[in-house]
Amino acid sequence: MAITTSAKKALRQSKRKKAMNDLRKKAIRASLKDVRLAKKGDTKAIAAAYKAIDKALKTGLLKKNTAARRKSKVARSLKVS
């Protein structure tokens, strides 16, 4: 357990960051599941997935190429042929 005040503060901060990261990850998983269940050309599903991925990228949860790869996969899966 943390003893010094700075260690206690660091523990509080890391718990807060973990909670936000978990929410972002959950949002990504939910939006990707919606994409899998969506019909071809569903723009709302694409927009929701892109939004979740971009927010995760902005906060540093995903790396740049990972985000690009996931967005590309979303676009390919809902592409109208």
Protein backbone atom coordinates (compact mmCIF):
# COMPACT_ATOMS: atom_id res chain seq x y z
CA MET A 1 0.00 0.00 0.00
CA ALA A 2 1.15 3.55 -0.68
CA ILE A 3 2.83 5.30 2.22
CA THR A 4 3.88 8.76 1.04
CA THR A 5 1.36 11.37 -0.06
CA SER A 6 2.81 11.47 -3.55
CA ALA A 7 2.42 7.69 -3.86
CA LYS A 8 -1.18 7.96 -2.64
CA LYS A 9 -1.88 10.63 -5.22
CA ALA A 10 -0.27 8.53 -7.96
CA LEU A 11 -2.48 5.62 -6.93
CA ARG A 12 -5.61 7.80 -7.13
CA GLN A 13 -4.57 9.07 -10.56
CA SER A 14 -3.85 5.61 -11.91
CA LYS A 15 -7.25 4.34 -10.69
CA ARG A 16 -8.97 7.25 -12.44
CA LYS A 17 -7.03 6.65 -15.65
CA LYS A 18 -7.78 2.91 -15.53
CA ALA A 19 -11.50 3.62 -15.16
CA MET A 20 -11.49 5.94 -18.19
CA ASN A 21 -9.40 3.50 -20.24
CA ASP A 22 -11.81 0.69 -19.40
CA LEU A 23 -14.75 2.84 -20.54
CA ARG A 24 -13.01 3.66 -23.82
CA LYS A 25 -12.17 0.00 -24.45
CA LYS A 26 -15.76 -0.98 -23.71
CA ALA A 27 -17.02 1.68 -26.15
CA ILE A 28 -14.72 0.35 -28.88
CA ARG A 29 -15.83 -3.25 -28.31
CA ALA A 30 -19.51 -2.24 -28.32
CA SER A 31 -19.21 -0.18 -31.49
CA LEU A 32 -17.31 -2.95 -33.30
CA LYS A 33 -19.99 -5.42 -32.25
CA ASP A 34 -22.64 -3.04 -33.65
CA VAL A 35 -20.67 -2.90 -36.89
CA ARG A 36 -20.64 -6.70 -37.13
CA LEU A 37 -24.42 -6.76 -36.68
CA ALA A 38 -25.12 -3.80 -38.98
CA LYS A 39 -26.26 -3.97 -42.58
CA LYS A 40 -24.05 -2.96 -45.49
CA GLY A 41 -23.75 0.80 -45.90
CA ASP A 42 -25.01 1.67 -42.39
CA THR A 43 -23.44 5.10 -41.92
CA LYS A 44 -24.48 5.44 -38.27
CA ALA A 45 -22.60 2.28 -37.31
CA ILE A 46 -19.53 3.48 -39.21
CA ALA A 47 -19.67 6.90 -37.54
CA ALA A 48 -20.02 5.41 -34.05
CA ALA A 49 -17.10 3.06 -34.61
CA TYR A 50 -14.89 5.82 -36.04
CA LYS A 51 -15.77 8.07 -33.10
CA ALA A 52 -14.85 5.43 -30.52
CA ILE A 53 -11.60 4.56 -32.32
CA ASP A 54 -10.60 8.23 -32.74
CA LYS A 55 -11.24 9.01 -29.08
CA ALA A 56 -9.13 6.02 -28.03
CA LEU A 57 -6.38 7.21 -30.38
CA LYS A 58 -6.53 10.75 -29.03
CA THR A 59 -6.16 9.61 -25.43
CA GLY A 60 -3.28 7.26 -26.27
CA LEU A 61 -5.20 4.05 -25.70
CA LEU A 62 -4.56 2.88 -29.28
CA LYS A 63 -1.54 3.49 -31.44
CA LYS A 64 -1.88 5.30 -34.76
CA ASN A 65 -1.51 2.29 -37.04
CA THR A 66 -3.80 0.14 -34.88
CA ALA A 67 -6.52 2.78 -35.12
CA ALA A 68 -6.04 3.07 -38.88
CA ARG A 69 -6.20 -0.70 -39.28
CA ARG A 70 -9.41 -0.97 -37.27
CA LYS A 71 -11.06 1.90 -39.17
CA SER A 72 -10.07 0.26 -42.45
CA LYS A 73 -11.58 -3.03 -41.29
CA VAL A 74 -14.83 -1.27 -40.34
CA ALA A 75 -15.01 0.43 -43.72
CA ARG A 76 -14.35 -2.83 -45.57
CA SER A 77 -16.95 -4.75 -43.61
CA LEU A 78 -19.73 -2.21 -44.29
CA LYS A 79 -18.73 -1.33 -47.85
CA VAL A 80 -21.56 -1.49 -50.36
CA SER A 81 -20.35 -3.49 -53.33
